[in-house]
Amino acid sequence: MEERPPPSPAKLRNQFQDWVSETEMPGRTMSYLKTGFLPEILEAQAEVDGVAEMLEAWATWEAGTTDPAIVLEVLKDRGLDALLAGLAES
């Protein structure tokens, strides 16, 4: 079985920025973030301020109870861009 590539915070940030700049649809962005391992990154960063709220919002999308645009707004408001930028630099 092939190994999955490691998460790329820089790539995830670019995909998130596509949504912020309104060049990508919310559902597509969520799909990219999921396949890019954003949930795993968030779980590993659970102690960072705002990440618990991001994980809660993500879980509602996974459960099919929240519109992807609402989840993306939570991710934006809680600092996903800055979190991914910091991880990409380290």
PDB file of N, CA and C in Angstrom:
ATOM      1  N   MET A   1       0.828  -1.172   0.000  1.00  0.00           N
ATOM      2  CA  MET A   1       0.000   0.000   0.000  1.00  0.00           C
ATOM      3  C   MET A   1       0.878   1.243   0.000  1.00  0.00           C
ATOM      4  N   GLU A   2       0.507   2.206  -0.815  1.00  0.00           N
ATOM      5  CA  GLU A   2       1.289   3.434  -0.907  1.00  0.00           C
ATOM      6  C   GLU A   2       1.123   4.296   0.331  1.00  0.00           C
ATOM      7  N   GLU A   3       2.212   4.971   0.695  1.00  0.00           N
ATOM      8  CA  GLU A   3       2.141   5.921   1.789  1.00  0.00           C
ATOM      9  C   GLU A   3       1.508   7.209   1.299  1.00  0.00           C
ATOM     10  N   ARG A   4       0.702   7.799   2.156  1.00  0.00           N
ATOM     11  CA  ARG A   4       0.100   9.083   1.812  1.00  0.00           C
ATOM     12  C   ARG A   4       1.143  10.168   2.028  1.00  0.00           C
ATOM     13  N   PRO A   5       1.155  11.185   1.182  1.00  0.00           N
ATOM     14  CA  PRO A   5       2.118  12.264   1.373  1.00  0.00           C
ATOM     15  C   PRO A   5       1.804  13.024   2.659  1.00  0.00           C
ATOM     16  N   PRO A   6       2.801  13.625   3.256  1.00  0.00           N
ATOM     17  CA  PRO A   6       2.543  14.390   4.483  1.00  0.00           C
ATOM     18  C   PRO A   6       1.723  15.638   4.177  1.00  0.00           C
ATOM     19  N   PRO A   7       1.039  16.168   5.184  1.00  0.00           N
ATOM     20  CA  PRO A   7       0.286  17.397   4.973  1.00  0.00           C
ATOM     21  C   PRO A   7       1.205  18.537   4.575  1.00  0.00           C
ATOM     22  N   SER A   8       0.704  19.424   3.734  1.00  0.00           N
ATOM     23  CA  SER A   8       1.465  20.596   3.317  1.00  0.00           C
ATOM     24  C   SER A   8       0.706  21.848   3.746  1.00  0.00           C
ATOM     25  N   PRO A   9       1.098  22.450   4.889  1.00  0.00           N
ATOM     26  CA  PRO A   9       0.417  23.663   5.327  1.00  0.00           C
ATOM     27  C   PRO A   9       0.439  24.770   4.269  1.00  0.00           C
ATOM     28  N   ALA A  10       1.522  24.879   3.511  1.00  0.00           N
ATOM     29  CA  ALA A  10       1.597  25.913   2.474  1.00  0.00           C
ATOM     30  C   ALA A  10       0.553  25.676   1.389  1.00  0.00           C
ATOM     31  N   LYS A  11       0.396  24.435   0.969  1.00  0.00           N
ATOM     32  CA  LYS A  11      -0.594  24.114  -0.059  1.00  0.00           C
ATOM     33  C   LYS A  11      -2.011  24.336   0.472  1.00  0.00           C
ATOM     34  N   LEU A  12      -2.257  23.916   1.705  1.00  0.00           N
ATOM     35  CA  LEU A  12      -3.568  24.137   2.310  1.00  0.00           C
ATOM     36  C   LEU A  12      -3.871  25.628   2.423  1.00  0.00           C
ATOM     37  N   ARG A  13      -2.876  26.390   2.779  1.00  0.00           N
ATOM     38  CA  ARG A  13      -3.076  27.838   2.885  1.00  0.00           C
ATOM     39  C   ARG A  13      -3.442  28.427   1.524  1.00  0.00           C
ATOM     40  N   ASN A  14      -2.773  27.996   0.480  1.00  0.00           N
ATOM     41  CA  ASN A  14      -3.100  28.478  -0.867  1.00  0.00           C
ATOM     42  C   ASN A  14      -4.525  28.110  -1.248  1.00  0.00           C
ATOM     43  N   GLN A  15      -4.934  26.903  -0.929  1.00  0.00           N
ATOM     44  CA  GLN A  15      -6.296  26.480  -1.247  1.00  0.00           C
ATOM     45  C   GLN A  15      -7.318  27.274  -0.441  1.00  0.00           C
ATOM     46  N   PHE A  16      -7.012  27.545   0.813  1.00  0.00           N
ATOM     47  CA  PHE A  16      -7.896  28.354   1.641  1.00  0.00           C
ATOM     48  C   PHE A  16      -7.962  29.786   1.099  1.00  0.00           C
ATOM     49  N   GLN A  17      -6.827  30.312   0.700  1.00  0.00           N
ATOM     50  CA  GLN A  17      -6.788  31.663   0.147  1.00  0.00           C
ATOM     51  C   GLN A  17      -7.598  31.778  -1.143  1.00  0.00           C
ATOM     52  N   ASP A  18      -7.683  30.705  -1.921  1.00  0.00           N
ATOM     53  CA  ASP A  18      -8.526  30.710  -3.113  1.00  0.00           C
ATOM     54  C   ASP A  18      -9.976  30.964  -2.737  1.00  0.00           C
ATOM     55  N   TRP A  19     -10.420  30.393  -1.627  1.00  0.00           N
ATOM     56  CA  TRP A  19     -11.789  30.647  -1.172  1.00  0.00           C
ATOM     57  C   TRP A  19     -11.921  32.083  -0.654  1.00  0.00           C
ATOM     58  N   VAL A  20     -10.952  32.532   0.116  1.00  0.00           N
ATOM     59  CA  VAL A  20     -10.987  33.891   0.663  1.00  0.00           C
ATOM     60  C   VAL A  20     -11.076  34.915  -0.463  1.00  0.00           C
ATOM     61  N   SER A  21     -10.343  34.674  -1.547  1.00  0.00           N
ATOM     62  CA  SER A  21     -10.343  35.608  -2.678  1.00  0.00           C
ATOM     63  C   SER A  21     -11.509  35.359  -3.633  1.00  0.00           C
ATOM     64  N   GLU A  22     -12.390  34.445  -3.242  1.00  0.00           N
ATOM     65  CA  GLU A  22     -13.605  34.131  -3.995  1.00  0.00           C
ATOM     66  C   GLU A  22     -13.337  33.560  -5.385  1.00  0.00           C
ATOM     67  N   THR A  23     -12.226  32.823  -5.522  1.00  0.00           N
ATOM     68  CA  THR A  23     -11.945  32.156  -6.794  1.00  0.00           C
ATOM     69  C   THR A  23     -12.269  30.662  -6.737  1.00  0.00           C
ATOM     70  N   GLU A  24     -12.723  30.191  -5.568  1.00  0.00           N
ATOM     71  CA  GLU A  24     -13.080  28.778  -5.421  1.00  0.00           C
ATOM     72  C   GLU A  24     -14.363  28.669  -4.605  1.00  0.00           C
ATOM     73  N   MET A  25     -15.148  27.665  -4.921  1.00  0.00           N
ATOM     74  CA  MET A  25     -16.414  27.420  -4.241  1.00  0.00           C
ATOM     75  C   MET A  25     -16.171  26.823  -2.853  1.00  0.00           C
ATOM     76  N   PRO A  26     -17.059  27.113  -1.891  1.00  0.00           N
ATOM     77  CA  PRO A  26     -16.869  26.600  -0.531  1.00  0.00           C
ATOM     78  C   PRO A  26     -16.780  25.071  -0.460  1.00  0.00           C
ATOM     79  N   GLY A  27     -17.656  24.369  -1.135  1.00  0.00           N
ATOM     80  CA  GLY A  27     -17.633  22.906  -1.079  1.00  0.00           C
ATOM     81  C   GLY A  27     -16.347  22.322  -1.621  1.00  0.00           C
ATOM     82  N   ARG A  28     -15.872  22.873  -2.711  1.00  0.00           N
ATOM     83  CA  ARG A  28     -14.610  22.406  -3.307  1.00  0.00           C
ATOM     84  C   ARG A  28     -13.449  22.687  -2.359  1.00  0.00           C
ATOM     85  N   THR A  29     -13.458  23.861  -1.743  1.00  0.00           N
ATOM     86  CA  THR A  29     -12.392  24.212  -0.801  1.00  0.00           C
ATOM     87  C   THR A  29     -12.372  23.252   0.374  1.00  0.00           C
ATOM     88  N   MET A  30     -13.545  22.949   0.917  1.00  0.00           N
ATOM     89  CA  MET A  30     -13.601  22.006   2.032  1.00  0.00           C
ATOM     90  C   MET A  30     -13.062  20.639   1.615  1.00  0.00           C
ATOM     91  N   SER A  31     -13.382  20.218   0.411  1.00  0.00           N
ATOM     92  CA  SER A  31     -12.881  18.946  -0.097  1.00  0.00           C
ATOM     93  C   SER A  31     -11.353  18.962  -0.177  1.00  0.00           C
ATOM     94  N   TYR A  32     -10.808  20.041  -0.728  1.00  0.00           N
ATOM     95  CA  TYR A  32      -9.348  20.158  -0.809  1.00  0.00           C
ATOM     96  C   TYR A  32      -8.713  20.130   0.583  1.00  0.00           C
ATOM     97  N   LEU A  33      -9.318  20.846   1.524  1.00  0.00           N
ATOM     98  CA  LEU A  33      -8.762  20.890   2.875  1.00  0.00           C
ATOM     99  C   LEU A  33      -8.814  19.519   3.542  1.00  0.00           C
ATOM    100  N   LYS A  34      -9.893  18.794   3.294  1.00  0.00           N
ATOM    101  CA  LYS A  34     -10.012  17.461   3.887  1.00  0.00           C
ATOM    102  C   LYS A  34      -8.974  16.507   3.311  1.00  0.00           C
ATOM    103  N   THR A  35      -8.864  16.460   1.993  1.00  0.00           N
ATOM    104  CA  THR A  35      -7.895  15.541   1.387  1.00  0.00           C
ATOM    105  C   THR A  35      -6.456  15.983   1.634  1.00  0.00           C
ATOM    106  N   GLY A  36      -6.266  17.243   1.999  1.00  0.00           N
ATOM    107  CA  GLY A  36      -4.939  17.758   2.340  1.00  0.00           C
ATOM    108  C   GLY A  36      -4.591  17.604   3.805  1.00  0.00           C
ATOM    109  N   PHE A  37      -5.453  16.889   4.556  1.00  0.00           N
ATOM    110  CA  PHE A  37      -5.200  16.555   5.959  1.00  0.00           C
ATOM    111  C   PHE A  37      -5.380  17.713   6.937  1.00  0.00           C
ATOM    112  N   LEU A  38      -6.221  18.686   6.617  1.00  0.00           N
ATOM    113  CA  LEU A  38      -6.441  19.767   7.571  1.00  0.00           C
ATOM    114  C   LEU A  38      -6.959  19.250   8.912  1.00  0.00           C
ATOM    115  N   PRO A  39      -7.902  18.310   8.950  1.00  0.00           N
ATOM    116  CA  PRO A  39      -8.354  17.843  10.268  1.00  0.00           C
ATOM    117  C   PRO A  39      -7.211  17.312  11.138  1.00  0.00           C
ATOM    118  N   GLU A  40      -6.291  16.583  10.528  1.00  0.00           N
ATOM    119  CA  GLU A  40      -5.152  16.049  11.280  1.00  0.00           C
ATOM    120  C   GLU A  40      -4.243  17.176  11.773  1.00  0.00           C
ATOM    121  N   ILE A  41      -4.048  18.176  10.941  1.00  0.00           N
ATOM    122  CA  ILE A  41      -3.237  19.332  11.354  1.00  0.00           C
ATOM    123  C   ILE A  41      -3.899  20.036  12.525  1.00  0.00           C
ATOM    124  N   LEU A  42      -5.203  20.251  12.432  1.00  0.00           N
ATOM    125  CA  LEU A  42      -5.915  20.927  13.518  1.00  0.00           C
ATOM    126  C   LEU A  42      -5.847  20.111  14.813  1.00  0.00           C
ATOM    127  N   GLU A  43      -6.014  18.807  14.709  1.00  0.00           N
ATOM    128  CA  GLU A  43      -5.929  17.961  15.903  1.00  0.00           C
ATOM    129  C   GLU A  43      -4.557  18.054  16.557  1.00  0.00           C
ATOM    130  N   ALA A  44      -3.512  18.121  15.749  1.00  0.00           N
ATOM    131  CA  ALA A  44      -2.156  18.232  16.276  1.00  0.00           C
ATOM    132  C   ALA A  44      -1.903  19.598  16.904  1.00  0.00           C
ATOM    133  N   GLN A  45      -2.702  20.588  16.525  1.00  0.00           N
ATOM    134  CA  GLN A  45      -2.540  21.955  17.031  1.00  0.00           C
ATOM    135  C   GLN A  45      -3.661  22.333  17.997  1.00  0.00           C
ATOM    136  N   ALA A  46      -4.309  21.352  18.591  1.00  0.00           N
ATOM    137  CA  ALA A  46      -5.513  21.572  19.402  1.00  0.00           C
ATOM    138  C   ALA A  46      -5.305  22.551  20.556  1.00  0.00           C
ATOM    139  N   GLU A  47      -4.091  22.692  21.031  1.00  0.00           N
ATOM    140  CA  GLU A  47      -3.831  23.599  22.156  1.00  0.00           C
ATOM    141  C   GLU A  47      -3.712  25.061  21.724  1.00  0.00           C
ATOM    142  N   VAL A  48      -3.628  25.317  20.432  1.00  0.00           N
ATOM    143  CA  VAL A  48      -3.497  26.685  19.930  1.00  0.00           C
ATOM    144  C   VAL A  48      -4.843  27.386  20.043  1.00  0.00           C
ATOM    145  N   ASP A  49      -4.800  28.643  20.448  1.00  0.00           N
ATOM    146  CA  ASP A  49      -6.009  29.439  20.610  1.00  0.00           C
ATOM    147  C   ASP A  49      -6.836  29.458  19.324  1.00  0.00           C
ATOM    148  N   GLY A  50      -8.103  29.143  19.431  1.00  0.00           N
ATOM    149  CA  GLY A  50      -9.016  29.163  18.298  1.00  0.00           C
ATOM    150  C   GLY A  50      -9.176  27.839  17.579  1.00  0.00           C
ATOM    151  N   VAL A  51      -8.262  26.915  17.788  1.00  0.00           N
ATOM    152  CA  VAL A  51      -8.312  25.650  17.046  1.00  0.00           C
ATOM    153  C   VAL A  51      -9.469  24.774  17.516  1.00  0.00           C
ATOM    154  N   ALA A  52      -9.805  24.812  18.783  1.00  0.00           N
ATOM    155  CA  ALA A  52     -10.936  24.006  19.264  1.00  0.00           C
ATOM    156  C   ALA A  52     -12.214  24.398  18.532  1.00  0.00           C
ATOM    157  N   GLU A  53     -12.403  25.693  18.330  1.00  0.00           N
ATOM    158  CA  GLU A  53     -13.579  26.164  17.595  1.00  0.00           C
ATOM    159  C   GLU A  53     -13.538  25.718  16.143  1.00  0.00           C
ATOM    160  N   MET A  54     -12.349  25.714  15.560  1.00  0.00           N
ATOM    161  CA  MET A  54     -12.214  25.236  14.180  1.00  0.00           C
ATOM    162  C   MET A  54     -12.593  23.764  14.088  1.00  0.00           C
ATOM    163  N   LEU A  55     -12.113  22.966  15.031  1.00  0.00           N
ATOM    164  CA  LEU A  55     -12.432  21.542  15.032  1.00  0.00           C
ATOM    165  C   LEU A  55     -13.922  21.295  15.236  1.00  0.00           C
ATOM    166  N   GLU A  56     -14.552  22.071  16.101  1.00  0.00           N
ATOM    167  CA  GLU A  56     -15.993  21.933  16.316  1.00  0.00           C
ATOM    168  C   GLU A  56     -16.761  22.238  15.032  1.00  0.00           C
ATOM    169  N   ALA A  57     -16.388  23.322  14.368  1.00  0.00           N
ATOM    170  CA  ALA A  57     -17.055  23.685  13.112  1.00  0.00           C
ATOM    171  C   ALA A  57     -16.823  22.606  12.065  1.00  0.00           C
ATOM    172  N   TRP A  58     -15.609  22.114  11.984  1.00  0.00           N
ATOM    173  CA  TRP A  58     -15.285  21.055  11.016  1.00  0.00           C
ATOM    174  C   TRP A  58     -16.165  19.837  11.250  1.00  0.00           C
ATOM    175  N   ALA A  59     -16.324  19.458  12.515  1.00  0.00           N
ATOM    176  CA  ALA A  59     -17.124  18.277  12.852  1.00  0.00           C
ATOM    177  C   ALA A  59     -18.572  18.444  12.396  1.00  0.00           C
ATOM    178  N   THR A  60     -19.105  19.657  12.460  1.00  0.00           N
ATOM    179  CA  THR A  60     -20.490  19.864  12.015  1.00  0.00           C
ATOM    180  C   THR A  60     -20.598  19.676  10.505  1.00  0.00           C
ATOM    181  N   TRP A  61     -19.566  20.065   9.778  1.00  0.00           N
ATOM    182  CA  TRP A  61     -19.566  19.848   8.321  1.00  0.00           C
ATOM    183  C   TRP A  61     -19.463  18.356   8.017  1.00  0.00           C
ATOM    184  N   GLU A  62     -18.574  17.679   8.728  1.00  0.00           N
ATOM    185  CA  GLU A  62     -18.409  16.233   8.529  1.00  0.00           C
ATOM    186  C   GLU A  62     -19.719  15.496   8.801  1.00  0.00           C
ATOM    187  N   ALA A  63     -20.486  15.995   9.769  1.00  0.00           N
ATOM    188  CA  ALA A  63     -21.761  15.369  10.114  1.00  0.00           C
ATOM    189  C   ALA A  63     -22.875  15.758   9.145  1.00  0.00           C
ATOM    190  N   GLY A  64     -22.576  16.703   8.255  1.00  0.00           N
ATOM    191  CA  GLY A  64     -23.570  17.122   7.276  1.00  0.00           C
ATOM    192  C   GLY A  64     -24.616  18.073   7.816  1.00  0.00           C
ATOM    193  N   THR A  65     -24.284  18.754   8.911  1.00  0.00           N
ATOM    194  CA  THR A  65     -25.269  19.638   9.529  1.00  0.00           C
ATOM    195  C   THR A  65     -24.985  21.125   9.309  1.00  0.00           C
ATOM    196  N   THR A  66     -23.872  21.450   8.672  1.00  0.00           N
ATOM    197  CA  THR A  66     -23.501  22.840   8.478  1.00  0.00           C
ATOM    198  C   THR A  66     -23.041  23.076   7.045  1.00  0.00           C
ATOM    199  N   ASP A  67     -23.444  24.199   6.517  1.00  0.00           N
ATOM    200  CA  ASP A  67     -23.024  24.623   5.185  1.00  0.00           C
ATOM    201  C   ASP A  67     -21.514  24.860   5.173  1.00  0.00           C
ATOM    202  N   PRO A  68     -20.822  24.441   4.117  1.00  0.00           N
ATOM    203  CA  PRO A  68     -19.366  24.625   4.079  1.00  0.00           C
ATOM    204  C   PRO A  68     -18.938  26.084   4.192  1.00  0.00           C
ATOM    205  N   ALA A  69     -19.726  27.003   3.656  1.00  0.00           N
ATOM    206  CA  ALA A  69     -19.357  28.422   3.737  1.00  0.00           C
ATOM    207  C   ALA A  69     -19.320  28.900   5.185  1.00  0.00           C
ATOM    208  N   ILE A  70     -20.217  28.380   6.006  1.00  0.00           N
ATOM    209  CA  ILE A  70     -20.230  28.760   7.420  1.00  0.00           C
ATOM    210  C   ILE A  70     -18.984  28.243   8.120  1.00  0.00           C
ATOM    211  N   VAL A  71     -18.613  27.015   7.821  1.00  0.00           N
ATOM    212  CA  VAL A  71     -17.403  26.435   8.420  1.00  0.00           C
ATOM    213  C   VAL A  71     -16.173  27.227   7.988  1.00  0.00           C
ATOM    214  N   LEU A  72     -16.100  27.573   6.724  1.00  0.00           N
ATOM    215  CA  LEU A  72     -14.956  28.348   6.237  1.00  0.00           C
ATOM    216  C   LEU A  72     -14.885  29.709   6.909  1.00  0.00           C
ATOM    217  N   GLU A  73     -16.019  30.309   7.184  1.00  0.00           N
ATOM    218  CA  GLU A  73     -16.030  31.593   7.908  1.00  0.00           C
ATOM    219  C   GLU A  73     -15.473  31.418   9.314  1.00  0.00           C
ATOM    220  N   VAL A  74     -15.832  30.322   9.983  1.00  0.00           N
ATOM    221  CA  VAL A  74     -15.290  30.050  11.313  1.00  0.00           C
ATOM    222  C   VAL A  74     -13.774  29.861  11.223  1.00  0.00           C
ATOM    223  N   LEU A  75     -13.331  29.088  10.249  1.00  0.00           N
ATOM    224  CA  LEU A  75     -11.889  28.880  10.075  1.00  0.00           C
ATOM    225  C   LEU A  75     -11.174  30.208   9.847  1.00  0.00           C
ATOM    226  N   LYS A  76     -11.774  31.047   9.051  1.00  0.00           N
ATOM    227  CA  LYS A  76     -11.189  32.367   8.770  1.00  0.00           C
ATOM    228  C   LYS A  76     -11.152  33.217  10.036  1.00  0.00           C
ATOM    229  N   ASP A  77     -12.284  33.286  10.738  1.00  0.00           N
ATOM    230  CA  ASP A  77     -12.391  34.133  11.933  1.00  0.00           C
ATOM    231  C   ASP A  77     -11.499  33.656  13.071  1.00  0.00           C
ATOM    232  N   ARG A  78     -11.246  32.366  13.143  1.00  0.00           N
ATOM    233  CA  ARG A  78     -10.431  31.810  14.232  1.00  0.00           C
ATOM    234  C   ARG A  78      -8.944  31.739  13.887  1.00  0.00           C
ATOM    235  N   GLY A  79      -8.559  32.200  12.694  1.00  0.00           N
ATOM    236  CA  GLY A  79      -7.139  32.346  12.395  1.00  0.00           C
ATOM    237  C   GLY A  79      -6.473  31.214  11.639  1.00  0.00           C
ATOM    238  N   LEU A  80      -7.231  30.497  10.804  1.00  0.00           N
ATOM    239  CA  LEU A  80      -6.617  29.399  10.054  1.00  0.00           C
ATOM    240  C   LEU A  80      -5.471  29.880   9.176  1.00  0.00           C
ATOM    241  N   ASP A  81      -5.635  31.005   8.522  1.00  0.00           N
ATOM    242  CA  ASP A  81      -4.588  31.501   7.630  1.00  0.00           C
ATOM    243  C   ASP A  81      -3.271  31.697   8.378  1.00  0.00           C
ATOM    244  N   ALA A  82      -3.333  32.341   9.528  1.00  0.00           N
ATOM    245  CA  ALA A  82      -2.119  32.585  10.311  1.00  0.00           C
ATOM    246  C   ALA A  82      -1.531  31.276  10.830  1.00  0.00           C
ATOM    247  N   LEU A  83      -2.395  30.356  11.252  1.00  0.00           N
ATOM    248  CA  LEU A  83      -1.917  29.058  11.737  1.00  0.00           C
ATOM    249  C   LEU A  83      -1.160  28.322  10.631  1.00  0.00           C
ATOM    250  N   LEU A  84      -1.764  28.247   9.444  1.00  0.00           N
ATOM    251  CA  LEU A  84      -1.102  27.547   8.347  1.00  0.00           C
ATOM    252  C   LEU A  84       0.174  28.262   7.905  1.00  0.00           C
ATOM    253  N   ALA A  85       0.169  29.589   7.917  1.00  0.00           N
ATOM    254  CA  ALA A  85       1.373  30.341   7.553  1.00  0.00           C
ATOM    255  C   ALA A  85       2.509  30.018   8.517  1.00  0.00           C
ATOM    256  N   GLY A  86       2.200  29.987   9.808  1.00  0.00           N
ATOM    257  CA  GLY A  86       3.223  29.659  10.801  1.00  0.00           C
ATOM    258  C   GLY A  86       3.752  28.249  10.644  1.00  0.00           C
ATOM    259  N   LEU A  87       2.870  27.314  10.368  1.00  0.00           N
ATOM    260  CA  LEU A  87       3.306  25.930  10.168  1.00  0.00           C
ATOM    261  C   LEU A  87       4.126  25.773   8.900  1.00  0.00           C
ATOM    262  N   ALA A  88       3.780  26.526   7.860  1.00  0.00           N
ATOM    263  CA  ALA A  88       4.519  26.441   6.601  1.00  0.00           C
ATOM    264  C   ALA A  88       5.937  26.973   6.761  1.00  0.00           C
ATOM    265  N   GLU A  89       6.104  27.940   7.640  1.00  0.00           N
ATOM    266  CA  GLU A  89       7.424  28.539   7.842  1.00  0.00           C
ATOM    267  C   GLU A  89       8.330  27.686   8.725  1.00  0.00           C
ATOM    268  N   SER A  90       7.721  26.828   9.548  1.00  0.00           N
ATOM    269  CA  SER A  90       8.544  26.037  10.482  1.00  0.00           C
ATOM    270  C   SER A  90       9.100  24.792   9.850  1.00  0.00           C
TER     271      SER A  90
END
